[in-house]
Amino acid sequence: ILTTPDALAKFMNYLEKTGPDDILGVAGTKFEI
């Protein structure tokens, strides 16, 4: 559930900064953490 009207726009702002082979998500792991 996207709880604010700008949630998708904020996600898209980050997605547009990724490279062609990057995968962007809202939850995940970093092996050191």
All heavy atoms as atom14 arrays in JSON, in Angstrom:
{
  "sequence": "ILTTPDALAKFMNYLEKTGPDDILGVAGTKFEI",
  "atom14_mask": [
    [1, 1, 1, 1, 1, 1, 1, 1, 0, 0, 0, 0, 0, 0],
    [1, 1, 1, 1, 1, 1, 1, 1, 0, 0, 0, 0, 0, 0],
    [1, 1, 1, 1, 1, 1, 1, 0, 0, 0, 0, 0, 0, 0],
    [1, 1, 1, 1, 1, 1, 1, 0, 0, 0, 0, 0, 0, 0],
    [1, 1, 1, 1, 1, 1, 1, 0, 0, 0, 0, 0, 0, 0],
    [1, 1, 1, 1, 1, 1, 1, 1, 0, 0, 0, 0, 0, 0],
    [1, 1, 1, 1, 1, 0, 0, 0, 0, 0, 0, 0, 0, 0],
    [1, 1, 1, 1, 1, 1, 1, 1, 0, 0, 0, 0, 0, 0],
    [1, 1, 1, 1, 1, 0, 0, 0, 0, 0, 0, 0, 0, 0],
    [1, 1, 1, 1, 1, 1, 1, 1, 1, 0, 0, 0, 0, 0],
    [1, 1, 1, 1, 1, 1, 1, 1, 1, 1, 1, 0, 0, 0],
    [1, 1, 1, 1, 1, 1, 1, 1, 0, 0, 0, 0, 0, 0],
    [1, 1, 1, 1, 1, 1, 1, 1, 0, 0, 0, 0, 0, 0],
    [1, 1, 1, 1, 1, 1, 1, 1, 1, 1, 1, 1, 0, 0],
    [1, 1, 1, 1, 1, 1, 1, 1, 0, 0, 0, 0, 0, 0],
    [1, 1, 1, 1, 1, 1, 1, 1, 1, 0, 0, 0, 0, 0],
    [1, 1, 1, 1, 1, 1, 1, 1, 1, 0, 0, 0, 0, 0],
    [1, 1, 1, 1, 1, 1, 1, 0, 0, 0, 0, 0, 0, 0],
    [1, 1, 1, 1, 0, 0, 0, 0, 0, 0, 0, 0, 0, 0],
    [1, 1, 1, 1, 1, 1, 1, 0, 0, 0, 0, 0, 0, 0],
    [1, 1, 1, 1, 1, 1, 1, 1, 0, 0, 0, 0, 0, 0],
    [1, 1, 1, 1, 1, 1, 1, 1, 0, 0, 0, 0, 0, 0],
    [1, 1, 1, 1, 1, 1, 1, 1, 0, 0, 0, 0, 0, 0],
    [1, 1, 1, 1, 1, 1, 1, 1, 0, 0, 0, 0, 0, 0],
    [1, 1, 1, 1, 0, 0, 0, 0, 0, 0, 0, 0, 0, 0],
    [1, 1, 1, 1, 1, 1, 1, 0, 0, 0, 0, 0, 0, 0],
    [1, 1, 1, 1, 1, 0, 0, 0, 0, 0, 0, 0, 0, 0],
    [1, 1, 1, 1, 0, 0, 0, 0, 0, 0, 0, 0, 0, 0],
    [1, 1, 1, 1, 1, 1, 1, 0, 0, 0, 0, 0, 0, 0],
    [1, 1, 1, 1, 1, 1, 1, 1, 1, 0, 0, 0, 0, 0],
    [1, 1, 1, 1, 1, 1, 1, 1, 1, 1, 1, 0, 0, 0],
    [1, 1, 1, 1, 1, 1, 1, 1, 1, 0, 0, 0, 0, 0],
    [1, 1, 1, 1, 1, 1, 1, 1, 0, 0, 0, 0, 0, 0]
  ],
  "atom14_positions": [
    [[0.87, -1.18, 0.0], [0.0, 0.0, 0.0], [0.91, 1.23, 0.0], [1.75, 1.38, 0.88], [-0.92, 0.03, 1.25], [-1.76, -1.24, 1.35], [-1.79, 1.29, 1.23], [-2.75, -1.44, 0.25], [0.0, 0.0, 0.0], [0.0, 0.0, 0.0], [0.0, 0.0, 0.0], [0.0, 0.0, 0.0], [0.0, 0.0, 0.0], [0.0, 0.0, 0.0]],
    [[0.73, 2.09, -0.99], [1.47, 3.36, -1.01], [0.66, 4.36, -0.22], [-0.46, 4.71, -0.59], [1.69, 3.82, -2.45], [2.42, 2.79, -3.34], [2.54, 3.3, -4.76], [3.78, 2.46, -2.78], [0.0, 0.0, 0.0], [0.0, 0.0, 0.0], [0.0, 0.0, 0.0], [0.0, 0.0, 0.0], [0.0, 0.0, 0.0], [0.0, 0.0, 0.0]],
    [[1.21, 4.81, 0.9], [0.41, 5.55, 1.89], [0.38, 7.06, 1.67], [-0.43, 7.73, 2.31], [0.91, 5.25, 3.32], [2.28, 5.61, 3.4], [0.71, 3.79, 3.65], [0.0, 0.0, 0.0], [0.0, 0.0, 0.0], [0.0, 0.0, 0.0], [0.0, 0.0, 0.0], [0.0, 0.0, 0.0], [0.0, 0.0, 0.0], [0.0, 0.0, 0.0]],
    [[1.25, 7.58, 0.83], [1.21, 9.01, 0.54], [1.09, 9.2, -0.97], [1.61, 8.38, -1.74], [2.47, 9.74, 1.06], [3.62, 9.2, 0.38], [2.63, 9.57, 2.57], [0.0, 0.0, 0.0], [0.0, 0.0, 0.0], [0.0, 0.0, 0.0], [0.0, 0.0, 0.0], [0.0, 0.0, 0.0], [0.0, 0.0, 0.0], [0.0, 0.0, 0.0]],
    [[0.45, 10.27, -1.42], [0.25, 10.48, -2.86], [1.54, 10.64, -3.66], [1.55, 10.44, -4.87], [-0.59, 11.76, -2.93], [-1.2, 11.9, -1.6], [-0.26, 11.27, -0.62], [0.0, 0.0, 0.0], [0.0, 0.0, 0.0], [0.0, 0.0, 0.0], [0.0, 0.0, 0.0], [0.0, 0.0, 0.0], [0.0, 0.0, 0.0], [0.0, 0.0, 0.0]],
    [[2.65, 10.97, -3.0], [3.91, 11.16, -3.71], [4.87, 9.98, -3.55], [6.02, 10.06, -3.98], [4.59, 12.45, -3.26], [4.96, 12.44, -1.78], [4.46, 11.58, -1.02], [5.76, 13.31, -1.37], [0.0, 0.0, 0.0], [0.0, 0.0, 0.0], [0.0, 0.0, 0.0], [0.0, 0.0, 0.0], [0.0, 0.0, 0.0], [0.0, 0.0, 0.0]],
    [[4.43, 8.88, -2.98], [5.31, 7.73, -2.74], [5.9, 7.19, -4.04], [7.1, 6.92, -4.13], [4.58, 6.63, -1.98], [0.0, 0.0, 0.0], [0.0, 0.0, 0.0], [0.0, 0.0, 0.0], [0.0, 0.0, 0.0], [0.0, 0.0, 0.0], [0.0, 0.0, 0.0], [0.0, 0.0, 0.0], [0.0, 0.0, 0.0], [0.0, 0.0, 0.0]],
    [[5.07, 7.02, -5.06], [5.55, 6.5, -6.34], [6.48, 7.51, -7.0], [7.52, 7.13, -7.56], [4.39, 6.14, -7.25], [4.76, 5.5, -8.58], [5.58, 4.23, -8.4], [3.49, 5.21, -9.39], [0.0, 0.0, 0.0], [0.0, 0.0, 0.0], [0.0, 0.0, 0.0], [0.0, 0.0, 0.0], [0.0, 0.0, 0.0], [0.0, 0.0, 0.0]],
    [[6.15, 8.77, -6.94], [7.01, 9.81, -7.52], [8.38, 9.82, -6.86], [9.41, 9.95, -7.54], [6.34, 11.19, -7.4], [0.0, 0.0, 0.0], [0.0, 0.0, 0.0], [0.0, 0.0, 0.0], [0.0, 0.0, 0.0], [0.0, 0.0, 0.0], [0.0, 0.0, 0.0], [0.0, 0.0, 0.0], [0.0, 0.0, 0.0], [0.0, 0.0, 0.0]],
    [[8.44, 9.67, -5.54], [9.72, 9.62, -4.83], [10.53, 8.4, -5.25], [11.74, 8.49, -5.48], [9.49, 9.6, -3.32], [9.06, 10.94, -2.75], [8.86, 10.83, -1.25], [8.44, 12.16, -0.64], [8.19, 12.05, 0.8], [0.0, 0.0, 0.0], [0.0, 0.0, 0.0], [0.0, 0.0, 0.0], [0.0, 0.0, 0.0], [0.0, 0.0, 0.0]],
    [[9.86, 7.26, -5.35], [10.55, 6.04, -5.8], [11.08, 6.23, -7.22], [12.22, 5.87, -7.52], [9.6, 4.84, -5.71], [10.25, 3.53, -6.01], [10.96, 2.85, -5.03], [10.17, 2.96, -7.27], [11.57, 1.63, -5.29], [10.78, 1.74, -7.55], [11.48, 1.08, -6.56], [0.0, 0.0, 0.0], [0.0, 0.0, 0.0], [0.0, 0.0, 0.0]],
    [[10.26, 6.82, -8.09], [10.68, 7.05, -9.48], [11.87, 8.0, -9.55], [12.74, 7.84, -10.41], [9.51, 7.6, -10.3], [8.45, 6.56, -10.62], [9.1, 5.16, -11.54], [9.69, 5.98, -13.02], [0.0, 0.0, 0.0], [0.0, 0.0, 0.0], [0.0, 0.0, 0.0], [0.0, 0.0, 0.0], [0.0, 0.0, 0.0], [0.0, 0.0, 0.0]],
    [[11.93, 8.98, -8.66], [13.07, 9.9, -8.63], [14.36, 9.12, -8.42], [15.37, 9.39, -9.08], [12.87, 10.94, -7.53], [13.99, 11.95, -7.5], [14.34, 12.54, -8.52], [14.56, 12.15, -6.33], [0.0, 0.0, 0.0], [0.0, 0.0, 0.0], [0.0, 0.0, 0.0], [0.0, 0.0, 0.0], [0.0, 0.0, 0.0], [0.0, 0.0, 0.0]],
    [[14.36, 8.16, -7.54], [15.54, 7.33, -7.32], [15.77, 6.37, -8.49], [16.9, 6.15, -8.91], [15.42, 6.54, -6.01], [15.74, 7.36, -4.8], [14.72, 7.85, -3.98], [17.05, 7.66, -4.45], [15.01, 8.61, -2.86], [17.35, 8.43, -3.34], [16.31, 8.89, -2.54], [16.62, 9.64, -1.45], [0.0, 0.0, 0.0], [0.0, 0.0, 0.0]],
    [[14.69, 5.8, -9.01], [14.81, 4.84, -10.11], [15.46, 5.5, -11.33], [16.27, 4.89, -12.02], [13.43, 4.27, -10.46], [13.39, 3.15, -11.48], [14.28, 1.98, -11.06], [11.96, 2.69, -11.69], [0.0, 0.0, 0.0], [0.0, 0.0, 0.0], [0.0, 0.0, 0.0], [0.0, 0.0, 0.0], [0.0, 0.0, 0.0], [0.0, 0.0, 0.0]],
    [[15.12, 6.75, -11.58], [15.69, 7.47, -12.72], [17.17, 7.76, -12.55], [17.85, 8.09, -13.52], [14.89, 8.74, -12.98], [13.5, 8.41, -13.53], [12.55, 9.59, -13.57], [12.87, 10.66, -12.98], [11.48, 9.45, -14.17], [0.0, 0.0, 0.0], [0.0, 0.0, 0.0], [0.0, 0.0, 0.0], [0.0, 0.0, 0.0], [0.0, 0.0, 0.0]],
    [[17.7, 7.6, -11.36], [19.13, 7.81, -11.1], [19.93, 6.5, -11.19], [21.16, 6.52, -11.04], [19.33, 8.43, -9.72], [18.76, 9.83, -9.63], [18.85, 10.37, -8.22], [18.17, 11.73, -8.16], [18.1, 12.27, -6.81], [0.0, 0.0, 0.0], [0.0, 0.0, 0.0], [0.0, 0.0, 0.0], [0.0, 0.0, 0.0], [0.0, 0.0, 0.0]],
    [[19.26, 5.39, -11.42], [19.95, 4.11, -11.49], [20.48, 3.85, -12.89], [20.0, 4.42, -13.87], [19.01, 2.94, -11.1], [17.94, 2.87, -12.03], [18.48, 3.11, -9.68], [0.0, 0.0, 0.0], [0.0, 0.0, 0.0], [0.0, 0.0, 0.0], [0.0, 0.0, 0.0], [0.0, 0.0, 0.0], [0.0, 0.0, 0.0], [0.0, 0.0, 0.0]],
    [[21.45, 2.97, -12.95], [22.01, 2.56, -14.24], [21.14, 1.49, -14.88], [20.23, 0.94, -14.25], [0.0, 0.0, 0.0], [0.0, 0.0, 0.0], [0.0, 0.0, 0.0], [0.0, 0.0, 0.0], [0.0, 0.0, 0.0], [0.0, 0.0, 0.0], [0.0, 0.0, 0.0], [0.0, 0.0, 0.0], [0.0, 0.0, 0.0], [0.0, 0.0, 0.0]],
    [[21.42, 1.16, -16.13], [20.57, 0.22, -16.87], [20.55, -1.19, -16.29], [19.63, -1.95, -16.59], [21.16, 0.23, -18.28], [22.53, 0.8, -18.14], [22.52, 1.68, -16.94], [0.0, 0.0, 0.0], [0.0, 0.0, 0.0], [0.0, 0.0, 0.0], [0.0, 0.0, 0.0], [0.0, 0.0, 0.0], [0.0, 0.0, 0.0], [0.0, 0.0, 0.0]],
    [[21.51, -1.55, -15.48], [21.55, -2.89, -14.89], [21.44, -2.88, -13.38], [21.75, -3.88, -12.73], [22.8, -3.63, -15.35], [22.77, -3.9, -16.84], [21.79, -4.48, -17.31], [23.7, -3.48, -17.54], [0.0, 0.0, 0.0], [0.0, 0.0, 0.0], [0.0, 0.0, 0.0], [0.0, 0.0, 0.0], [0.0, 0.0, 0.0], [0.0, 0.0, 0.0]],
    [[21.01, -1.76, -12.82], [20.75, -1.7, -11.39], [19.32, -2.15, -11.1], [18.43, -1.98, -11.94], [20.91, -0.27, -10.85], [22.36, 0.18, -10.81], [23.24, -0.68, -10.63], [22.6, 1.38, -10.97], [0.0, 0.0, 0.0], [0.0, 0.0, 0.0], [0.0, 0.0, 0.0], [0.0, 0.0, 0.0], [0.0, 0.0, 0.0], [0.0, 0.0, 0.0]],
    [[19.12, -2.69, -9.95], [17.8, -3.09, -9.49], [17.56, -2.35, -8.18], [18.39, -2.4, -7.27], [17.69, -4.62, -9.29], [18.04, -5.33, -10.61], [16.29, -4.99, -8.83], [18.16, -6.84, -10.49], [0.0, 0.0, 0.0], [0.0, 0.0, 0.0], [0.0, 0.0, 0.0], [0.0, 0.0, 0.0], [0.0, 0.0, 0.0], [0.0, 0.0, 0.0]],
    [[16.45, -1.63, -8.1], [16.15, -0.77, -6.97], [15.0, -1.36, -6.16], [14.01, -1.82, -6.73], [15.75, 0.62, -7.5], [15.34, 1.66, -6.47], [16.56, 2.13, -5.68], [14.67, 2.85, -7.16], [0.0, 0.0, 0.0], [0.0, 0.0, 0.0], [0.0, 0.0, 0.0], [0.0, 0.0, 0.0], [0.0, 0.0, 0.0], [0.0, 0.0, 0.0]],
    [[15.1, -1.33, -4.85], [14.03, -1.85, -4.01], [13.9, -1.08, -2.72], [14.72, -0.22, -2.41], [0.0, 0.0, 0.0], [0.0, 0.0, 0.0], [0.0, 0.0, 0.0], [0.0, 0.0, 0.0], [0.0, 0.0, 0.0], [0.0, 0.0, 0.0], [0.0, 0.0, 0.0], [0.0, 0.0, 0.0], [0.0, 0.0, 0.0], [0.0, 0.0, 0.0]],
    [[12.86, -1.41, -1.97], [12.58, -0.72, -0.71], [12.97, -1.54, 0.52], [12.89, -1.04, 1.63], [11.09, -0.3, -0.61], [10.74, 0.68, -1.71], [10.18, -1.51, -0.64], [0.0, 0.0, 0.0], [0.0, 0.0, 0.0], [0.0, 0.0, 0.0], [0.0, 0.0, 0.0], [0.0, 0.0, 0.0], [0.0, 0.0, 0.0], [0.0, 0.0, 0.0]],
    [[13.38, -2.77, 0.31], [13.82, -3.62, 1.42], [14.84, -4.6, 0.88], [14.7, -5.09, -0.24], [12.65, -4.36, 2.04], [0.0, 0.0, 0.0], [0.0, 0.0, 0.0], [0.0, 0.0, 0.0], [0.0, 0.0, 0.0], [0.0, 0.0, 0.0], [0.0, 0.0, 0.0], [0.0, 0.0, 0.0], [0.0, 0.0, 0.0], [0.0, 0.0, 0.0]],
    [[15.86, -4.87, 1.66], [16.86, -5.81, 1.2], [17.96, -6.0, 2.21], [17.79, -5.72, 3.4], [0.0, 0.0, 0.0], [0.0, 0.0, 0.0], [0.0, 0.0, 0.0], [0.0, 0.0, 0.0], [0.0, 0.0, 0.0], [0.0, 0.0, 0.0], [0.0, 0.0, 0.0], [0.0, 0.0, 0.0], [0.0, 0.0, 0.0], [0.0, 0.0, 0.0]],
    [[19.09, -6.47, 1.72], [20.23, -6.74, 2.6], [21.49, -6.11, 2.05], [21.63, -5.88, 0.86], [20.49, -8.26, 2.73], [20.86, -8.79, 1.46], [19.3, -8.98, 3.29], [0.0, 0.0, 0.0], [0.0, 0.0, 0.0], [0.0, 0.0, 0.0], [0.0, 0.0, 0.0], [0.0, 0.0, 0.0], [0.0, 0.0, 0.0], [0.0, 0.0, 0.0]],
    [[22.37, -5.83, 2.96], [23.76, -5.48, 2.66], [24.55, -6.42, 3.56], [24.35, -6.44, 4.77], [24.02, -4.02, 2.98], [25.38, -3.53, 2.55], [25.44, -2.01, 2.62], [26.8, -1.48, 2.24], [27.18, -1.71, 0.87], [0.0, 0.0, 0.0], [0.0, 0.0, 0.0], [0.0, 0.0, 0.0], [0.0, 0.0, 0.0], [0.0, 0.0, 0.0]],
    [[25.39, -7.21, 2.97], [26.01, -8.31, 3.71], [26.73, -7.86, 4.97], [26.8, -8.61, 5.93], [26.94, -9.12, 2.81], [26.22, -9.82, 1.68], [26.83, -9.99, 0.46], [24.93, -10.3, 1.83], [26.18, -10.64, -0.58], [24.26, -10.94, 0.81], [24.89, -11.11, -0.41], [0.0, 0.0, 0.0], [0.0, 0.0, 0.0], [0.0, 0.0, 0.0]],
    [[27.25, -6.64, 4.99], [27.98, -6.16, 6.18], [27.05, -5.75, 7.32], [27.49, -5.5, 8.43], [28.85, -4.94, 5.83], [29.89, -5.16, 4.77], [29.32, -5.02, 3.36], [28.55, -4.09, 3.08], [29.66, -5.87, 2.53], [0.0, 0.0, 0.0], [0.0, 0.0, 0.0], [0.0, 0.0, 0.0], [0.0, 0.0, 0.0], [0.0, 0.0, 0.0]],
    [[25.75, -5.62, 7.04], [24.79, -5.19, 8.05], [23.84, -6.36, 8.33], [23.16, -6.82, 7.42], [23.98, -3.96, 7.57], [24.93, -2.81, 7.23], [22.95, -3.54, 8.61], [24.27, -1.63, 6.56], [0.0, 0.0, 0.0], [0.0, 0.0, 0.0], [0.0, 0.0, 0.0], [0.0, 0.0, 0.0], [0.0, 0.0, 0.0], [0.0, 0.0, 0.0]]
  ]
}
